Protein backbone atom coordinates (compact mmCIF):
# COMPACT_ATOMS: atom_id res chain seq x y z
CA MET A 1 0.19 -0.08 -0.06
CA THR A 2 1.23 3.39 -0.76
CA GLY A 3 1.12 6.65 1.36
CA THR A 4 -1.72 7.82 -0.17
CA ASP A 5 -3.76 4.79 0.42
CA GLN A 6 -2.79 5.16 4.25
CA THR A 7 -3.81 8.65 3.98
CA ASP A 8 -7.06 7.83 2.43
CA ILE A 9 -7.99 5.19 4.93
CA ALA A 10 -6.99 7.21 8.07
CA ALA A 11 -9.11 10.07 6.49
CA LYS A 12 -11.91 7.64 6.05
CA GLU A 13 -11.46 6.06 9.56
CA ALA A 14 -11.68 9.59 11.09
CA GLU A 15 -14.81 10.56 9.18
CA LEU A 16 -16.53 7.24 10.36
CA SER A 17 -15.35 8.06 13.94
CA ALA A 18 -16.99 11.55 13.89
CA ARG A 19 -20.25 9.88 12.30
CA MET A 20 -20.22 7.20 14.90
CA GLU A 21 -19.83 10.17 17.76
CA GLU A 22 -22.70 12.31 15.96
CA LEU A 23 -25.26 9.36 15.97
CA ALA A 24 -24.38 8.45 19.54
CA ALA A 25 -25.17 11.70 20.56
CA ARG A 26 -28.43 11.68 18.63
CA LYS A 27 -29.48 8.48 20.00
CA ALA A 28 -28.81 9.61 23.80
CA ALA A 29 -31.16 12.87 22.82
CA VAL A 30 -33.70 10.86 21.39
CA GLU A 31 -33.58 8.39 24.41
CA LYS A 32 -34.07 11.19 26.57
CA GLN A 33 -36.89 12.46 24.66
CA VAL A 34 -38.48 9.28 25.16
CA ARG A 35 -38.18 9.00 28.80
CA GLU A 36 -39.46 12.76 28.89
CA LEU A 37 -42.51 12.08 26.95
CA MET A 38 -43.03 8.65 29.12
CA ALA A 39 -42.97 10.69 32.04
CA ALA A 40 -45.25 13.30 30.87
CA GLU A 41 -48.04 10.70 30.08
CA ASP A 42 -50.93 10.75 32.35
CA HIS A 43 -53.48 8.33 31.46
CA LYS A 44 -56.26 8.93 34.05
CA ALA A 45 -56.11 12.75 32.82
CA GLY A 46 -56.02 11.40 29.32
CA VAL A 47 -52.78 12.90 28.20
CA SER A 48 -50.86 10.52 26.09
CA HIS A 49 -47.72 10.85 23.66
CA ALA A 50 -47.77 7.46 22.15
CA GLN A 51 -47.67 8.66 18.53
CA ALA A 52 -44.64 10.67 19.67
CA ILE A 53 -43.06 8.02 21.77
CA PHE A 54 -43.47 5.50 18.89
CA ALA A 55 -41.77 8.05 16.33
CA ALA A 56 -39.03 8.49 18.72
CA LYS A 57 -38.59 4.77 19.36
CA GLN A 58 -38.30 4.34 15.46
CA GLU A 59 -35.69 6.96 15.10
CA LYS A 60 -33.51 5.29 17.87
CA LEU A 61 -33.90 2.07 16.15
CA ALA A 62 -32.69 3.72 12.92
CA LEU A 63 -29.83 5.48 14.67
CA GLU A 64 -28.48 2.13 16.16
CA THR A 65 -28.53 0.73 12.64
CA GLU A 66 -26.65 3.74 11.09
CA PHE A 67 -24.23 3.23 14.03
CA GLU A 68 -23.81 -0.38 13.48
CA ILE A 69 -22.87 0.16 9.59
CA ALA A 70 -20.71 2.83 10.36
CA ARG A 71 -18.96 0.67 12.81
CA ARG A 72 -18.50 -2.29 10.54
CA GLN A 73 -17.30 -0.07 7.73
CA LYS A 74 -14.74 1.20 10.21
CA LYS A 75 -13.61 -2.15 11.15
CA ARG A 76 -13.47 -3.36 7.64
CA LEU A 77 -11.13 -0.53 6.68
CA THR A 78 -8.76 -1.51 9.77
CA MET A 79 -8.74 -5.15 8.76
CA PRO A 80 -5.76 -6.57 7.41
CA PHE A 81 -5.46 -7.69 3.83
């Protein structure tokens, strides 16, 4: 491998690491939102946030999937040939 290939791999690895950090932060924010929505519900008073909770949980799952894809791409970059 040439120096340029190593530089490209290092740049891509750094990009994926940054992406993973962003996804982890977004996931944490969504998890916090779900907890807040669930705490704000009062079924006796008729206050329900079911749709918002469901949408947030779907977003969390999508973020987990994106994180896993980025993690595997990063791992594949660092594998020996």
